[in-house]
Amino acid sequence: MTFDTNDEDSAWQSPIWIAHTNCLLNSYERLIGRSLIPRSTPEVDARNLFEASFVVVAHGTETDPLLSYGNVSALRLWKMPLSTFLGTPSRKTAEPVHRDERAELLRRTTENGFIDDYSGIRIASTGDRFRILKATVWNVADENGQHIGQAATFAEWLPL
């Protein structure tokens, strides 16, 4: 997916971004059984998820999956502008020593549809390390039910 990331504050207004947000939220609701945010119109949902105080990230289905979504909380945590964040291989959010753990997390999510018990160490673009706690990771499907990636959300993390 390609988004206009020149204006980070309004990226959520893009029709492609709104559609992708809708896929993230609908998939979460279908798999988890509750809403990630209070739902409204697709446009309001896109803004509310982008500006949420908790982290939401997603990647696509490429062989080396690329980040396809990051809200403001994720951008701050990973210390990257949206234009850099989108398209970054998602494996680069973890140190090489923790990538096997990350791969196992993604395998479990693929098999089960979601997991809601993940904690692990990640690394920001500056090299700062942090532990995410109680993350939920889920498979994302488009409006036709086609698998388009995986997403994660968490509200707790600790600097290391």
Protein backbone atom coordinates (compact mmCIF):
# COMPACT_ATOMS: atom_id res chain seq x y z
CA MET A 1 0.00 0.00 0.00
CA THR A 2 1.15 3.47 -0.77
CA PHE A 3 0.12 6.42 1.33
CA ASP A 4 0.91 10.10 1.00
CA THR A 5 3.14 10.55 4.02
CA ASN A 6 4.25 14.11 3.32
CA ASP A 7 1.90 15.43 5.98
CA GLU A 8 2.06 13.01 8.89
CA ASP A 9 -0.70 14.81 10.78
CA SER A 10 -3.23 14.18 8.01
CA ALA A 11 -2.06 10.84 6.57
CA TRP A 12 -5.09 9.20 8.17
CA GLN A 13 -7.33 11.20 5.77
CA SER A 14 -6.15 9.25 2.71
CA PRO A 15 -8.85 6.96 1.26
CA ILE A 16 -6.29 4.12 1.17
CA TRP A 17 -5.40 4.72 4.84
CA ILE A 18 -9.08 4.82 5.81
CA ALA A 19 -9.72 1.52 3.99
CA HIS A 20 -6.68 -0.10 5.63
CA THR A 21 -7.78 1.11 9.07
CA ASN A 22 -11.21 -0.39 8.42
CA CYS A 23 -9.58 -3.76 7.63
CA LEU A 24 -7.52 -3.59 10.84
CA LEU A 25 -10.55 -2.76 12.99
CA ASN A 26 -12.94 -5.22 11.32
CA SER A 27 -10.41 -8.06 11.57
CA TYR A 28 -9.77 -7.29 15.23
CA GLU A 29 -13.51 -7.31 16.00
CA ARG A 30 -14.11 -10.54 14.08
CA LEU A 31 -11.24 -12.41 15.76
CA ILE A 32 -11.20 -10.91 19.26
CA GLY A 33 -14.94 -10.36 19.67
CA ARG A 34 -14.84 -6.73 20.72
CA SER A 35 -13.95 -3.35 19.25
CA LEU A 36 -10.43 -1.94 19.53
CA ILE A 37 -11.93 1.57 19.60
CA PRO A 38 -15.50 2.88 19.78
CA ARG A 39 -16.65 2.74 16.12
CA SER A 40 -18.09 5.62 14.14
CA THR A 41 -17.68 6.48 10.46
CA PRO A 42 -14.64 5.09 8.63
CA GLU A 43 -13.09 8.57 8.53
CA VAL A 44 -13.55 9.16 12.27
CA ASP A 45 -12.29 5.64 13.01
CA ALA A 46 -9.15 6.30 10.94
CA ARG A 47 -8.39 9.47 12.85
CA ASN A 48 -9.17 7.98 16.27
CA LEU A 49 -6.96 4.92 15.70
CA PHE A 50 -4.13 7.04 14.29
CA GLU A 51 -4.25 9.36 17.32
CA ALA A 52 -4.86 6.63 19.94
CA SER A 53 -2.78 6.61 23.11
CA PHE A 54 -1.96 2.90 22.63
CA VAL A 55 0.30 1.45 19.94
CA VAL A 56 -1.04 -0.10 16.75
CA VAL A 57 1.27 -1.45 14.04
CA ALA A 58 0.72 -3.70 11.04
CA HIS A 59 2.71 -5.37 8.29
CA GLY A 60 1.84 -6.94 4.97
CA THR A 61 2.29 -10.40 3.51
CA GLU A 62 5.58 -9.94 1.69
CA THR A 63 8.27 -12.62 2.10
CA ASP A 64 10.06 -10.10 4.33
CA PRO A 65 6.93 -8.28 5.62
CA LEU A 66 6.96 -4.50 5.40
CA LEU A 67 5.30 -2.22 7.92
CA SER A 68 2.02 -0.96 6.46
CA TYR A 69 0.53 0.89 9.43
CA GLY A 70 1.75 2.74 12.47
CA ASN A 71 -0.22 5.15 14.59
CA VAL A 72 1.21 8.20 16.35
CA SER A 73 2.01 6.19 19.50
CA ALA A 74 3.97 3.66 17.43
CA LEU A 75 5.87 6.38 15.58
CA ARG A 76 6.87 7.98 18.88
CA LEU A 77 7.90 4.66 20.42
CA TRP A 78 10.02 3.57 17.44
CA LYS A 79 11.21 7.18 16.97
CA MET A 80 10.53 7.30 13.23
CA PRO A 81 8.56 9.59 10.96
CA LEU A 82 5.69 7.91 9.15
CA SER A 83 7.50 8.19 5.81
CA THR A 84 10.35 6.04 7.20
CA PHE A 85 8.20 3.70 9.28
CA LEU A 86 5.98 2.61 6.39
CA GLY A 87 7.85 0.19 4.19
CA THR A 88 10.44 -0.71 6.83
CA PRO A 89 10.84 -4.49 7.14
CA SER A 90 8.97 -5.37 10.32
CA ARG A 91 11.81 -7.66 11.43
CA LYS A 92 13.87 -4.51 12.00
CA THR A 93 11.63 -3.59 14.94
CA ALA A 94 13.39 -6.37 16.88
CA GLU A 95 17.11 -6.89 17.48
CA PRO A 96 18.60 -9.83 15.57
CA VAL A 97 18.95 -11.81 18.81
CA HIS A 98 15.16 -11.52 19.37
CA ARG A 99 14.02 -12.26 15.80
CA ASP A 100 13.49 -16.00 16.38
CA GLU A 101 11.13 -15.13 19.23
CA ARG A 102 9.31 -12.71 16.92
CA ALA A 103 9.05 -15.34 14.18
CA GLU A 104 7.46 -17.77 16.67
CA LEU A 105 4.94 -15.09 17.67
CA LEU A 106 3.96 -14.56 14.04
CA ARG A 107 3.68 -18.31 13.43
CA ARG A 108 1.36 -18.73 16.43
CA THR A 109 -0.76 -15.81 15.22
CA THR A 110 -1.02 -17.27 11.71
CA GLU A 111 -2.15 -20.62 13.13
CA ASN A 112 -4.60 -19.32 15.73
CA GLY A 113 -5.88 -16.08 14.14
CA PHE A 114 -4.70 -14.04 17.11
CA ILE A 115 -2.80 -14.19 20.38
CA ASP A 116 -3.31 -11.92 23.35
CA ASP A 117 -0.42 -12.80 25.61
CA TYR A 118 2.72 -11.56 23.90
CA SER A 119 5.57 -9.73 25.60
CA GLY A 120 8.93 -9.14 23.98
CA ILE A 121 11.88 -6.82 23.45
CA ARG A 122 11.90 -4.36 20.57
CA ILE A 123 14.30 -1.69 19.38
CA ALA A 124 13.67 1.89 18.25
CA SER A 125 15.42 3.48 15.28
CA THR A 126 17.79 5.19 17.75
CA GLY A 127 18.88 1.87 19.28
CA ASP A 128 16.78 2.39 22.41
CA ARG A 129 15.39 -0.92 23.62
CA PHE A 130 12.01 -1.48 25.24
CA ARG A 131 9.88 -4.41 26.37
CA ILE A 132 6.31 -4.53 25.14
CA LEU A 133 3.81 -6.10 27.53
CA LYS A 134 0.46 -7.82 27.00
CA ALA A 135 0.34 -7.32 23.23
CA THR A 136 -2.48 -8.64 21.11
CA VAL A 137 -1.45 -9.74 17.62
CA TRP A 138 -4.02 -10.65 14.98
CA ASN A 139 -4.35 -11.63 11.34
CA VAL A 140 -5.75 -8.92 9.08
CA ALA A 141 -8.10 -9.61 6.19
CA ASP A 142 -9.52 -7.26 3.57
CA GLU A 143 -13.24 -6.76 2.87
CA ASN A 144 -13.23 -9.97 0.76
CA GLY A 145 -11.69 -12.07 3.53
CA GLN A 146 -8.28 -12.18 1.81
CA HIS A 147 -5.34 -12.31 4.25
CA ILE A 148 -3.38 -9.03 3.92
CA GLY A 149 -1.08 -9.14 6.94
CA GLN A 150 -0.87 -9.05 10.70
CA ALA A 151 -1.30 -6.28 13.24
CA ALA A 152 -0.41 -5.74 16.89
CA THR A 153 -1.58 -3.48 19.65
CA PHE A 154 -0.36 -2.83 23.15
CA ALA A 155 -0.67 -0.09 25.73
CA GLU A 156 2.21 -1.01 28.03
CA TRP A 157 5.95 -0.96 27.46
CA LEU A 158 9.03 -0.45 29.58
CA PRO A 159 12.30 1.17 28.55
CA LEU A 160 15.33 -1.08 29.02
